[in-house]
Amino acid sequence: MPPLSSTPPSAASVACAPALFAFVRDAMARHASLPLPGHGDTLTRWRHLSDIAAEDVCGIKVLEAHYDALAILSELGAPERALDGALLHAVWAAEPPDARLEFTPGVDGIGSLNGIKAWCSGADLVDAALVTAHIGESRVLVQVMRAAPGIEVLPGHWQAVGMSRVESGRLQFRDVAAVQVGAAGDYLARPGFWHGGGGIAACWFGAATAIAETLRRHPRAAHNPHAMAHLGAIDMALSAAASLLRETAAAIDHDPDAPHATAITRVRSVVERTATEVIDRVGRALGPGPLCEDGAHALRCADLTTFLRQSHAERDWAELGVAAQARDITWQL
């Protein structure tokens, strides 16, 4: 896998979202890498993701993808030079029917990308990206440098209020240099594809705990029995979600070659429901005040609400139902 030329972050990137850029770079300086999932310390990895999410939801949206990209490169046997931890990476793998990239391999190992990629989160911030593309009917993963000639932002596709600081619109690729990572199909076939999904749940959990802290620390809450009831319900939900995250991380480390697809789907669904409940209960307990007067809390609620829609919702619940129906042994202690 030959190297692609890299450039430092552009001045334009820093100008677009200076506070977010600074937060991300500071976090990278503190944690150049995280333990890889399935290598015996998955829970520590998820705890770091959760802690970062509690600080900044948009920050973890960028950083989770970066750490996931490093894990993917490692799992697919990319050479050391491709694992440059100083480069901020993204993973752009969404495949809507109206946006498709074609990859043409080159004789020197560097091929070219043409087409449109949707949901390019952090496109104004990152240095490099792992991108899914197609060679005919086969899906491949390629690494591309964001500053490579031929990449153009398609305006008007990112109108978000929540997650507004993480530009996630569409990019046009015209003969953009890229290097294939792994063989066709490897990106989805590896067990780490599912393990990474558990990391997203850890991010949702961390953000939800920060929202819950607004209620726990609010001076009016202790004198309001209804607020205390909501806080008690939040404590039950977050404690149960934390236990399931720990259990799932342990299962991955015990059998890292298994995808644990049902377990990951379950923990994502439980944490998504828990986070949604936290947002609702904190609002019911405290009214509109924090949403209107506490900028950090209001932003966190808006960002997490958007982030949670990365869940597949009822589609995942249906998969859990099918899996439960097929088991001979269901729910036991």
C-alpha atoms as a PDB file:
ATOM      1  CA  MET A   1       0.000   0.000   0.000  1.00  0.00           C
ATOM      2  CA  PRO A   2       1.922   3.078  -1.189  1.00  0.00           C
ATOM      3  CA  PRO A   3       1.645   6.271   0.829  1.00  0.00           C
ATOM      4  CA  LEU A   4      -0.477   9.194  -0.238  1.00  0.00           C
ATOM      5  CA  SER A   5       1.019  12.637   0.160  1.00  0.00           C
ATOM      6  CA  SER A   6      -0.266  14.336   3.297  1.00  0.00           C
ATOM      7  CA  THR A   7      -0.574  17.968   4.270  1.00  0.00           C
ATOM      8  CA  PRO A   8      -1.119  19.611   7.643  1.00  0.00           C
ATOM      9  CA  PRO A   9      -4.592  20.875   8.580  1.00  0.00           C
ATOM     10  CA  SER A  10      -5.529  23.819   6.414  1.00  0.00           C
ATOM     11  CA  ALA A  11      -6.138  27.295   7.741  1.00  0.00           C
ATOM     12  CA  ALA A  12      -9.627  27.040   6.284  1.00  0.00           C
ATOM     13  CA  SER A  13     -10.366  24.022   8.477  1.00  0.00           C
ATOM     14  CA  VAL A  14      -9.320  25.853  11.611  1.00  0.00           C
ATOM     15  CA  ALA A  15     -11.374  28.896  10.639  1.00  0.00           C
ATOM     16  CA  CYS A  16     -14.550  26.884  10.006  1.00  0.00           C
ATOM     17  CA  ALA A  17     -14.887  25.515  13.544  1.00  0.00           C
ATOM     18  CA  PRO A  18     -12.007  26.794  15.673  1.00  0.00           C
ATOM     19  CA  ALA A  19     -13.308  25.638  19.064  1.00  0.00           C
ATOM     20  CA  LEU A  20     -14.207  22.166  17.792  1.00  0.00           C
ATOM     21  CA  PHE A  21     -10.901  21.876  15.949  1.00  0.00           C
ATOM     22  CA  ALA A  22      -8.998  22.819  19.098  1.00  0.00           C
ATOM     23  CA  PHE A  23     -10.997  20.360  21.220  1.00  0.00           C
ATOM     24  CA  VAL A  24     -10.366  17.495  18.809  1.00  0.00           C
ATOM     25  CA  ARG A  25      -6.655  18.196  18.497  1.00  0.00           C
ATOM     26  CA  ASP A  26      -6.287  18.480  22.264  1.00  0.00           C
ATOM     27  CA  ALA A  27      -8.023  15.129  22.750  1.00  0.00           C
ATOM     28  CA  MET A  28      -5.743  13.543  20.140  1.00  0.00           C
ATOM     29  CA  ALA A  29      -2.728  14.928  21.984  1.00  0.00           C
ATOM     30  CA  ARG A  30      -3.992  13.391  25.239  1.00  0.00           C
ATOM     31  CA  HIS A  31      -4.910  10.063  23.623  1.00  0.00           C
ATOM     32  CA  ALA A  32      -2.891   9.422  20.474  1.00  0.00           C
ATOM     33  CA  SER A  33      -4.516   5.994  20.327  1.00  0.00           C
ATOM     34  CA  LEU A  34      -7.032   3.912  22.253  1.00  0.00           C
ATOM     35  CA  PRO A  35      -6.978   0.189  23.037  1.00  0.00           C
ATOM     36  CA  LEU A  36      -8.193  -1.725  20.007  1.00  0.00           C
ATOM     37  CA  PRO A  37     -11.583  -3.427  20.380  1.00  0.00           C
ATOM     38  CA  GLY A  38     -11.360  -7.140  21.031  1.00  0.00           C
ATOM     39  CA  HIS A  39      -7.785  -6.983  22.301  1.00  0.00           C
ATOM     40  CA  GLY A  40      -8.577  -7.453  25.994  1.00  0.00           C
ATOM     41  CA  ASP A  41      -9.335  -3.852  26.967  1.00  0.00           C
ATOM     42  CA  THR A  42     -12.460  -2.911  25.031  1.00  0.00           C
ATOM     43  CA  LEU A  43     -14.078  -1.430  28.128  1.00  0.00           C
ATOM     44  CA  THR A  44     -11.219   1.049  28.572  1.00  0.00           C
ATOM     45  CA  ARG A  45     -11.653   2.105  24.947  1.00  0.00           C
ATOM     46  CA  TRP A  46     -15.372   2.650  25.485  1.00  0.00           C
ATOM     47  CA  ARG A  47     -14.782   4.531  28.722  1.00  0.00           C
ATOM     48  CA  HIS A  48     -12.486   6.984  26.932  1.00  0.00           C
ATOM     49  CA  LEU A  49     -15.094   7.496  24.210  1.00  0.00           C
ATOM     50  CA  SER A  50     -17.788   8.010  26.846  1.00  0.00           C
ATOM     51  CA  ASP A  51     -15.690  10.550  28.738  1.00  0.00           C
ATOM     52  CA  ILE A  52     -14.995  12.571  25.590  1.00  0.00           C
ATOM     53  CA  ALA A  53     -18.686  12.475  24.647  1.00  0.00           C
ATOM     54  CA  ALA A  54     -19.601  13.910  28.051  1.00  0.00           C
ATOM     55  CA  GLU A  55     -17.364  16.886  27.241  1.00  0.00           C
ATOM     56  CA  ASP A  56     -18.500  17.583  23.671  1.00  0.00           C
ATOM     57  CA  VAL A  57     -20.943  15.576  21.538  1.00  0.00           C
ATOM     58  CA  CYS A  58     -19.693  17.039  18.267  1.00  0.00           C
ATOM     59  CA  GLY A  59     -16.139  16.411  19.405  1.00  0.00           C
ATOM     60  CA  ILE A  60     -16.787  12.717  19.957  1.00  0.00           C
ATOM     61  CA  LYS A  61     -18.577  12.452  16.622  1.00  0.00           C
ATOM     62  CA  VAL A  62     -15.293  13.422  14.969  1.00  0.00           C
ATOM     63  CA  LEU A  63     -12.999  11.548  17.337  1.00  0.00           C
ATOM     64  CA  GLU A  64     -14.923   8.256  17.433  1.00  0.00           C
ATOM     65  CA  ALA A  65     -14.570   8.061  13.647  1.00  0.00           C
ATOM     66  CA  HIS A  66     -10.858   8.854  13.934  1.00  0.00           C
ATOM     67  CA  TYR A  67     -10.204   6.103  16.474  1.00  0.00           C
ATOM     68  CA  ASP A  68     -12.420   3.723  14.497  1.00  0.00           C
ATOM     69  CA  ALA A  69     -10.367   4.448  11.371  1.00  0.00           C
ATOM     70  CA  LEU A  70      -7.152   3.584  13.194  1.00  0.00           C
ATOM     71  CA  ALA A  71      -8.728   0.310  14.363  1.00  0.00           C
ATOM     72  CA  ILE A  72      -9.914  -0.498  10.829  1.00  0.00           C
ATOM     73  CA  LEU A  73      -6.475   0.161   9.343  1.00  0.00           C
ATOM     74  CA  SER A  74      -4.915  -2.094  11.953  1.00  0.00           C
ATOM     75  CA  GLU A  75      -7.476  -4.875  11.457  1.00  0.00           C
ATOM     76  CA  LEU A  76      -7.068  -4.831   7.680  1.00  0.00           C
ATOM     77  CA  GLY A  77      -3.292  -5.010   7.853  1.00  0.00           C
ATOM     78  CA  ALA A  78      -2.466  -1.553   6.581  1.00  0.00           C
ATOM     79  CA  PRO A  79       1.241  -0.672   6.757  1.00  0.00           C
ATOM     80  CA  GLU A  80       2.531   1.422   9.626  1.00  0.00           C
ATOM     81  CA  ARG A  81       2.770   4.561   7.496  1.00  0.00           C
ATOM     82  CA  ALA A  82      -0.999   4.464   6.931  1.00  0.00           C
ATOM     83  CA  LEU A  83      -1.568   4.483  10.697  1.00  0.00           C
ATOM     84  CA  ASP A  84      -0.200   7.987  11.253  1.00  0.00           C
ATOM     85  CA  GLY A  85      -1.893   9.005  14.509  1.00  0.00           C
ATOM     86  CA  ALA A  86      -1.104  12.663  13.840  1.00  0.00           C
ATOM     87  CA  LEU A  87      -3.527  12.652  10.924  1.00  0.00           C
ATOM     88  CA  LEU A  88      -7.167  13.185  11.851  1.00  0.00           C
ATOM     89  CA  HIS A  89      -9.140  10.472  10.067  1.00  0.00           C
ATOM     90  CA  ALA A  90     -12.795  10.105   9.147  1.00  0.00           C
ATOM     91  CA  VAL A  91     -14.789   7.065   8.059  1.00  0.00           C
ATOM     92  CA  TRP A  92     -17.266   7.780   5.262  1.00  0.00           C
ATOM     93  CA  ALA A  93     -19.143   4.546   4.640  1.00  0.00           C
ATOM     94  CA  ALA A  94     -22.779   5.562   4.087  1.00  0.00           C
ATOM     95  CA  GLU A  95     -24.232   4.165   0.858  1.00  0.00           C
ATOM     96  CA  PRO A  96     -27.500   5.952  -0.014  1.00  0.00           C
ATOM     97  CA  PRO A  97     -28.869   5.030  -3.448  1.00  0.00           C
ATOM     98  CA  ASP A  98     -28.326   8.508  -4.892  1.00  0.00           C
ATOM     99  CA  ALA A  99     -24.637   8.815  -3.993  1.00  0.00           C
ATOM    100  CA  ARG A 100     -22.046   6.340  -5.215  1.00  0.00           C
ATOM    101  CA  LEU A 101     -18.274   6.311  -5.623  1.00  0.00           C
ATOM    102  CA  GLU A 102     -16.426   4.256  -8.208  1.00  0.00           C
ATOM    103  CA  PHE A 103     -12.809   3.238  -7.628  1.00  0.00           C
ATOM    104  CA  THR A 104     -10.468   2.497 -10.519  1.00  0.00           C
ATOM    105  CA  PRO A 105      -7.313   0.651  -9.383  1.00  0.00           C
ATOM    106  CA  GLY A 106      -4.017   1.917 -10.722  1.00  0.00           C
ATOM    107  CA  VAL A 107      -0.975  -0.018 -11.795  1.00  0.00           C
ATOM    108  CA  ASP A 108       1.184   1.742  -9.199  1.00  0.00           C
ATOM    109  CA  GLY A 109      -1.172   0.883  -6.327  1.00  0.00           C
ATOM    110  CA  ILE A 110      -2.799   4.311  -6.265  1.00  0.00           C
ATOM    111  CA  GLY A 111      -6.173   4.338  -7.962  1.00  0.00           C
ATOM    112  CA  SER A 112      -8.763   7.044  -8.568  1.00  0.00           C
ATOM    113  CA  LEU A 113     -12.181   7.888  -7.142  1.00  0.00           C
ATOM    114  CA  ASN A 114     -15.086   9.342  -9.078  1.00  0.00           C
ATOM    115  CA  GLY A 115     -18.627  10.122  -7.980  1.00  0.00           C
ATOM    116  CA  ILE A 116     -20.436  11.523  -4.958  1.00  0.00           C
ATOM    117  CA  LYS A 117     -20.110  10.547  -1.304  1.00  0.00           C
ATOM    118  CA  ALA A 118     -22.841  11.456   1.187  1.00  0.00           C
ATOM    119  CA  TRP A 119     -22.639  11.942   4.960  1.00  0.00           C
ATOM    120  CA  CYS A 120     -19.006  13.066   4.978  1.00  0.00           C
ATOM    121  CA  SER A 121     -18.778  13.998   8.660  1.00  0.00           C
ATOM    122  CA  GLY A 122     -15.959  16.359   9.561  1.00  0.00           C
ATOM    123  CA  ALA A 123     -15.107  17.075   5.931  1.00  0.00           C
ATOM    124  CA  ASP A 124     -13.955  20.573   6.891  1.00  0.00           C
ATOM    125  CA  LEU A 125     -11.704  19.281   9.694  1.00  0.00           C
ATOM    126  CA  VAL A 126     -10.077  15.969   8.823  1.00  0.00           C
ATOM    127  CA  ASP A 127      -6.793  15.228   7.106  1.00  0.00           C
ATOM    128  CA  ALA A 128      -7.702  11.821   5.679  1.00  0.00           C
ATOM    129  CA  ALA A 129     -10.675   9.514   5.310  1.00  0.00           C
ATOM    130  CA  LEU A 130     -11.480   5.858   4.852  1.00  0.00           C
ATOM    131  CA  VAL A 131     -14.170   5.769   2.179  1.00  0.00           C
ATOM    132  CA  THR A 132     -16.281   2.946   0.788  1.00  0.00           C
ATOM    133  CA  ALA A 133     -16.406   2.775  -2.989  1.00  0.00           C
ATOM    134  CA  HIS A 134     -17.216   0.281  -5.723  1.00  0.00           C
ATOM    135  CA  ILE A 135     -15.309  -1.687  -8.319  1.00  0.00           C
ATOM    136  CA  GLY A 136     -18.222  -2.875 -10.384  1.00  0.00           C
ATOM    137  CA  GLU A 137     -20.485  -4.739  -7.966  1.00  0.00           C
ATOM    138  CA  SER A 138     -17.764  -5.215  -5.348  1.00  0.00           C
ATOM    139  CA  ARG A 139     -17.425  -2.819  -2.421  1.00  0.00           C
ATOM    140  CA  VAL A 140     -13.944  -1.751  -1.387  1.00  0.00           C
ATOM    141  CA  LEU A 141     -12.465   0.525   1.251  1.00  0.00           C
ATOM    142  CA  VAL A 142      -9.946   3.168   0.230  1.00  0.00           C
ATOM    143  CA  GLN A 143      -7.882   5.768   2.024  1.00  0.00           C
ATOM    144  CA  VAL A 144      -7.926   9.293   0.625  1.00  0.00           C
ATOM    145  CA  MET A 145      -6.334  12.550   1.696  1.00  0.00           C
ATOM    146  CA  ARG A 146      -8.857  15.350   2.221  1.00  0.00           C
ATOM    147  CA  ALA A 147      -6.551  17.901   0.569  1.00  0.00           C
ATOM    148  CA  ALA A 148      -6.158  15.781  -2.582  1.00  0.00           C
ATOM    149  CA  PRO A 149      -7.022  17.607  -5.831  1.00  0.00           C
ATOM    150  CA  GLY A 150     -10.458  16.851  -7.244  1.00  0.00           C
ATOM    151  CA  ILE A 151     -12.584  16.923  -4.062  1.00  0.00           C
ATOM    152  CA  GLU A 152     -15.361  19.505  -4.059  1.00  0.00           C
ATOM    153  CA  VAL A 153     -17.955  20.278  -1.392  1.00  0.00           C
ATOM    154  CA  LEU A 154     -21.511  20.187  -2.728  1.00  0.00           C
ATOM    155  CA  PRO A 155     -23.248  23.076  -0.955  1.00  0.00           C
ATOM    156  CA  GLY A 156     -26.640  23.062   0.718  1.00  0.00           C
ATOM    157  CA  HIS A 157     -26.727  19.482   1.987  1.00  0.00           C
ATOM    158  CA  TRP A 158     -26.069  20.146   5.687  1.00  0.00           C
ATOM    159  CA  GLN A 159     -28.921  22.053   7.373  1.00  0.00           C
ATOM    160  CA  ALA A 160     -28.677  20.438  10.805  1.00  0.00           C
ATOM    161  CA  VAL A 161     -29.341  22.304  14.059  1.00  0.00           C
ATOM    162  CA  GLY A 162     -28.119  19.481  16.293  1.00  0.00           C
ATOM    163  CA  MET A 163     -24.602  18.484  15.208  1.00  0.00           C
ATOM    164  CA  SER A 164     -24.370  21.711  13.222  1.00  0.00           C
ATOM    165  CA  ARG A 165     -20.673  22.050  14.040  1.00  0.00           C
ATOM    166  CA  VAL A 166     -19.795  18.751  12.339  1.00  0.00           C
ATOM    167  CA  GLU A 167     -20.161  19.465   8.644  1.00  0.00           C
ATOM    168  CA  SER A 168     -21.562  16.230   7.216  1.00  0.00           C
ATOM    169  CA  GLY A 169     -22.725  17.017   3.713  1.00  0.00           C
ATOM    170  CA  ARG A 170     -21.776  15.620   0.319  1.00  0.00           C
ATOM    171  CA  LEU A 171     -18.503  15.651  -1.550  1.00  0.00           C
ATOM    172  CA  GLN A 172     -17.902  15.336  -5.286  1.00  0.00           C
ATOM    173  CA  PHE A 173     -14.844  13.285  -6.285  1.00  0.00           C
ATOM    174  CA  ARG A 174     -13.247  13.738  -9.707  1.00  0.00           C
ATOM    175  CA  ASP A 175     -10.199  11.536 -10.390  1.00  0.00           C
ATOM    176  CA  VAL A 176      -9.086  11.740  -6.758  1.00  0.00           C
ATOM    177  CA  ALA A 177      -6.028   9.678  -5.811  1.00  0.00           C
ATOM    178  CA  ALA A 178      -6.838   6.881  -3.322  1.00  0.00           C
ATOM    179  CA  VAL A 179      -5.300   3.661  -2.035  1.00  0.00           C
ATOM    180  CA  GLN A 180      -7.301   0.483  -1.474  1.00  0.00           C
ATOM    181  CA  VAL A 181      -7.266  -0.889   2.087  1.00  0.00           C
ATOM    182  CA  GLY A 182      -7.764  -4.636   2.331  1.00  0.00           C
ATOM    183  CA  ALA A 183      -9.564  -6.807  -0.191  1.00  0.00           C
ATOM    184  CA  ALA A 184     -13.049  -6.280  -1.586  1.00  0.00           C
ATOM    185  CA  GLY A 185     -15.655  -6.943   1.095  1.00  0.00           C
ATOM    186  CA  ASP A 186     -13.196  -6.902   3.987  1.00  0.00           C
ATOM    187  CA  TYR A 187     -14.576  -3.750   5.585  1.00  0.00           C
ATOM    188  CA  LEU A 188     -17.976  -5.283   6.331  1.00  0.00           C
ATOM    189  CA  ALA A 189     -16.814  -8.874   6.797  1.00  0.00           C
ATOM    190  CA  ARG A 190     -14.418  -8.228   9.710  1.00  0.00           C
ATOM    191  CA  PRO A 191     -15.776  -8.743  13.257  1.00  0.00           C
ATOM    192  CA  GLY A 192     -14.514  -5.262  14.150  1.00  0.00           C
ATOM    193  CA  PHE A 193     -17.270  -3.734  12.022  1.00  0.00           C
ATOM    194  CA  TRP A 194     -19.751  -4.723  14.735  1.00  0.00           C
ATOM    195  CA  HIS A 195     -17.375  -4.051  17.610  1.00  0.00           C
ATOM    196  CA  GLY A 196     -17.077  -0.453  16.410  1.00  0.00           C
ATOM    197  CA  GLY A 197     -20.842  -0.125  16.644  1.00  0.00           C
ATOM    198  CA  GLY A 198     -20.567  -0.714  20.371  1.00  0.00           C
ATOM    199  CA  GLY A 199     -18.247   2.269  20.562  1.00  0.00           C
ATOM    200  CA  ILE A 200     -21.048   4.459  19.222  1.00  0.00           C
ATOM    201  CA  ALA A 201     -23.262   3.270  22.088  1.00  0.00           C
ATOM    202  CA  ALA A 202     -20.533   4.275  24.546  1.00  0.00           C
ATOM    203  CA  CYS A 203     -20.562   7.759  23.005  1.00  0.00           C
ATOM    204  CA  TRP A 204     -24.335   8.066  23.388  1.00  0.00           C
ATOM    205  CA  PHE A 205     -24.033   6.899  26.974  1.00  0.00           C
ATOM    206  CA  GLY A 206     -21.387   9.493  27.847  1.00  0.00           C
ATOM    207  CA  ALA A 207     -23.384  12.342  26.367  1.00  0.00           C
ATOM    208  CA  ALA A 208     -26.501  11.176  28.224  1.00  0.00           C
ATOM    209  CA  THR A 209     -24.652  11.174  31.544  1.00  0.00           C
ATOM    210  CA  ALA A 210     -23.655  14.807  31.014  1.00  0.00           C
ATOM    211  CA  ILE A 211     -27.284  15.741  30.365  1.00  0.00           C
ATOM    212  CA  ALA A 212     -28.337  13.823  33.484  1.00  0.00           C
ATOM    213  CA  GLU A 213     -25.782  15.792  35.511  1.00  0.00           C
ATOM    214  CA  THR A 214     -27.720  18.977  34.712  1.00  0.00           C
ATOM    215  CA  LEU A 215     -30.626  17.583  36.728  1.00  0.00           C
ATOM    216  CA  ARG A 216     -28.496  15.973  39.439  1.00  0.00           C
ATOM    217  CA  ARG A 217     -26.675  19.232  40.176  1.00  0.00           C
ATOM    218  CA  HIS A 218     -29.588  21.628  39.691  1.00  0.00           C
ATOM    219  CA  PRO A 219     -30.280  23.620  42.899  1.00  0.00           C
ATOM    220  CA  ARG A 220     -34.070  23.291  42.561  1.00  0.00           C
ATOM    221  CA  ALA A 221     -34.114  19.536  42.058  1.00  0.00           C
ATOM    222  CA  ALA A 222     -33.567  18.524  45.691  1.00  0.00           C
ATOM    223  CA  HIS A 223     -36.706  20.390  46.794  1.00  0.00           C
ATOM    224  CA  ASN A 224     -38.950  18.914  44.107  1.00  0.00           C
ATOM    225  CA  PRO A 225     -40.151  15.337  44.656  1.00  0.00           C
ATOM    226  CA  HIS A 226     -41.145  15.013  41.001  1.00  0.00           C
ATOM    227  CA  ALA A 227     -37.630  16.018  39.920  1.00  0.00           C
ATOM    228  CA  MET A 228     -36.209  13.463  42.334  1.00  0.00           C
ATOM    229  CA  ALA A 229     -38.461  10.783  40.853  1.00  0.00           C
ATOM    230  CA  HIS A 230     -37.183  11.629  37.380  1.00  0.00           C
ATOM    231  CA  LEU A 231     -33.601  11.511  38.670  1.00  0.00           C
ATOM    232  CA  GLY A 232     -34.277   8.112  40.243  1.00  0.00           C
ATOM    233  CA  ALA A 233     -35.647   6.800  36.945  1.00  0.00           C
ATOM    234  CA  ILE A 234     -32.573   8.185  35.150  1.00  0.00           C
ATOM    235  CA  ASP A 235     -30.311   6.459  37.669  1.00  0.00           C
ATOM    236  CA  MET A 236     -32.032   3.134  37.014  1.00  0.00           C
ATOM    237  CA  ALA A 237     -31.807   3.493  33.249  1.00  0.00           C
ATOM    238  CA  LEU A 238     -28.186   4.668  33.112  1.00  0.00           C
ATOM    239  CA  SER A 239     -27.044   2.017  35.603  1.00  0.00           C
ATOM    240  CA  ALA A 240     -28.688  -0.741  33.553  1.00  0.00           C
ATOM    241  CA  ALA A 241     -27.186   0.610  30.320  1.00  0.00           C
ATOM    242  CA  ALA A 242     -23.735   0.808  31.917  1.00  0.00           C
ATOM    243  CA  SER A 243     -23.990  -2.809  33.043  1.00  0.00           C
ATOM    244  CA  LEU A 244     -24.923  -3.932  29.547  1.00  0.00           C
ATOM    245  CA  LEU A 245     -22.029  -1.973  28.036  1.00  0.00           C
ATOM    246  CA  ARG A 246     -19.611  -3.647  30.451  1.00  0.00           C
ATOM    247  CA  GLU A 247     -21.090  -7.084  29.739  1.00  0.00           C
ATOM    248  CA  THR A 248     -20.860  -6.559  25.983  1.00  0.00           C
ATOM    249  CA  ALA A 249     -17.265  -5.308  26.145  1.00  0.00           C
ATOM    250  CA  ALA A 250     -16.310  -8.399  28.153  1.00  0.00           C
ATOM    251  CA  ALA A 251     -18.007 -10.689  25.628  1.00  0.00           C
ATOM    252  CA  ILE A 252     -16.075  -9.087  22.759  1.00  0.00           C
ATOM    253  CA  ASP A 253     -12.761  -9.538  24.567  1.00  0.00           C
ATOM    254  CA  HIS A 254     -13.630 -13.143  25.473  1.00  0.00           C
ATOM    255  CA  ASP A 255     -14.328 -14.049  21.818  1.00  0.00           C
ATOM    256  CA  PRO A 256     -12.861 -11.314  19.589  1.00  0.00           C
ATOM    257  CA  ASP A 257     -13.227 -13.293  16.361  1.00  0.00           C
ATOM    258  CA  ALA A 258     -17.029 -13.327  16.689  1.00  0.00           C
ATOM    259  CA  PRO A 259     -18.957 -10.280  15.468  1.00  0.00           C
ATOM    260  CA  HIS A 260     -21.407 -10.297  18.414  1.00  0.00           C
ATOM    261  CA  ALA A 261     -23.944  -8.696  16.076  1.00  0.00           C
ATOM    262  CA  THR A 262     -26.990  -9.364  18.255  1.00  0.00           C
ATOM    263  CA  ALA A 263     -25.247  -8.188  21.431  1.00  0.00           C
ATOM    264  CA  ILE A 264     -24.086  -4.981  19.728  1.00  0.00           C
ATOM    265  CA  THR A 265     -27.533  -4.341  18.294  1.00  0.00           C
ATOM    266  CA  ARG A 266     -29.024  -4.880  21.748  1.00  0.00           C
ATOM    267  CA  VAL A 267     -26.643  -2.550  23.579  1.00  0.00           C
ATOM    268  CA  ARG A 268     -27.025   0.158  20.954  1.00  0.00           C
ATOM    269  CA  SER A 269     -30.810  -0.095  21.190  1.00  0.00           C
ATOM    270  CA  VAL A 270     -30.813  -0.032  24.993  1.00  0.00           C
ATOM    271  CA  VAL A 271     -28.471   2.952  25.172  1.00  0.00           C
ATOM    272  CA  GLU A 272     -30.434   4.805  22.489  1.00  0.00           C
ATOM    273  CA  ARG A 273     -33.655   4.332  24.479  1.00  0.00           C
ATOM    274  CA  THR A 274     -31.875   5.323  27.692  1.00  0.00           C
ATOM    275  CA  ALA A 275     -30.400   8.491  26.209  1.00  0.00           C
ATOM    276  CA  THR A 276     -33.760   9.487  24.751  1.00  0.00           C
ATOM    277  CA  GLU A 277     -35.362   8.935  28.154  1.00  0.00           C
ATOM    278  CA  VAL A 278     -32.687  11.048  29.866  1.00  0.00           C
ATOM    279  CA  ILE A 279     -33.277  13.987  27.527  1.00  0.00           C
ATOM    280  CA  ASP A 280     -37.026  13.735  28.089  1.00  0.00           C
ATOM    281  CA  ARG A 281     -36.913  13.335  31.875  1.00  0.00           C
ATOM    282  CA  VAL A 282     -34.439  16.166  32.443  1.00  0.00           C
ATOM    283  CA  GLY A 283     -36.705  18.432  30.402  1.00  0.00           C
ATOM    284  CA  ARG A 284     -39.805  17.343  32.305  1.00  0.00           C
ATOM    285  CA  ALA A 285     -38.083  17.797  35.650  1.00  0.00           C
ATOM    286  CA  LEU A 286     -36.571  21.233  35.002  1.00  0.00           C
ATOM    287  CA  GLY A 287     -38.858  22.768  32.405  1.00  0.00           C
ATOM    288  CA  PRO A 288     -37.586  25.049  29.622  1.00  0.00           C
ATOM    289  CA  GLY A 289     -35.106  26.980  31.778  1.00  0.00           C
ATOM    290  CA  PRO A 290     -31.914  25.001  31.067  1.00  0.00           C
ATOM    291  CA  LEU A 291     -32.815  24.622  27.394  1.00  0.00           C
ATOM    292  CA  CYS A 292     -33.230  28.378  27.077  1.00  0.00           C
ATOM    293  CA  GLU A 293     -30.633  29.728  29.505  1.00  0.00           C
ATOM    294  CA  ASP A 294     -27.853  27.111  29.656  1.00  0.00           C
ATOM    295  CA  GLY A 295     -26.148  27.143  26.283  1.00  0.00           C
ATOM    296  CA  ALA A 296     -23.967  24.103  26.897  1.00  0.00           C
ATOM    297  CA  HIS A 297     -26.928  21.983  28.018  1.00  0.00           C
ATOM    298  CA  ALA A 298     -29.143  23.114  25.151  1.00  0.00           C
ATOM    299  CA  LEU A 299     -26.395  22.378  22.635  1.00  0.00           C
ATOM    300  CA  ARG A 300     -25.712  18.971  24.147  1.00  0.00           C
ATOM    301  CA  CYS A 301     -29.391  17.997  23.978  1.00  0.00           C
ATOM    302  CA  ALA A 302     -29.682  19.122  20.360  1.00  0.00           C
ATOM    303  CA  ASP A 303     -26.457  17.412  19.330  1.00  0.00           C
ATOM    304  CA  LEU A 304     -27.281  14.131  21.047  1.00  0.00           C
ATOM    305  CA  THR A 305     -30.819  14.076  19.644  1.00  0.00           C
ATOM    306  CA  THR A 306     -29.357  14.196  16.138  1.00  0.00           C
ATOM    307  CA  PHE A 307     -26.548  11.754  16.947  1.00  0.00           C
ATOM    308  CA  LEU A 308     -29.040   9.197  18.273  1.00  0.00           C
ATOM    309  CA  ARG A 309     -30.704   9.006  14.896  1.00  0.00           C
ATOM    310  CA  GLN A 310     -27.659   7.084  13.753  1.00  0.00           C
ATOM    311  CA  SER A 311     -29.546   4.259  15.444  1.00  0.00           C
ATOM    312  CA  HIS A 312     -31.553   2.041  13.110  1.00  0.00           C
ATOM    313  CA  ALA A 313     -34.510   2.250  15.521  1.00  0.00           C
ATOM    314  CA  GLU A 314     -37.329  -0.226  14.905  1.00  0.00           C
ATOM    315  CA  ARG A 315     -35.347  -2.016  12.221  1.00  0.00           C
ATOM    316  CA  ASP A 316     -32.845  -3.054  14.885  1.00  0.00           C
ATOM    317  CA  TRP A 317     -35.620  -3.964  17.316  1.00  0.00           C
ATOM    318  CA  ALA A 318     -37.116  -6.263  14.694  1.00  0.00           C
ATOM    319  CA  GLU A 319     -33.733  -7.971  14.263  1.00  0.00           C
ATOM    320  CA  LEU A 320     -33.549  -8.469  18.026  1.00  0.00           C
ATOM    321  CA  GLY A 321     -37.023  -9.992  17.977  1.00  0.00           C
ATOM    322  CA  VAL A 322     -36.060 -12.422  15.210  1.00  0.00           C
ATOM    323  CA  ALA A 323     -32.912 -13.411  17.123  1.00  0.00           C
ATOM    324  CA  ALA A 324     -34.859 -13.906  20.362  1.00  0.00           C
ATOM    325  CA  GLN A 325     -37.468 -16.052  18.636  1.00  0.00           C
ATOM    326  CA  ALA A 326     -34.766 -18.271  17.146  1.00  0.00           C
ATOM    327  CA  ARG A 327     -32.999 -18.989  20.469  1.00  0.00           C
ATOM    328  CA  ASP A 328     -33.699 -22.136  22.462  1.00  0.00           C
ATOM    329  CA  ILE A 329     -32.638 -20.407  25.676  1.00  0.00           C
ATOM    330  CA  THR A 330     -33.753 -16.819  26.146  1.00  0.00           C
ATOM    331  CA  TRP A 331     -33.605 -14.759  29.314  1.00  0.00           C
ATOM    332  CA  GLN A 332     -31.757 -16.181  32.276  1.00  0.00           C
ATOM    333  CA  LEU A 333     -29.576 -14.971  35.123  1.00  0.00           C
END
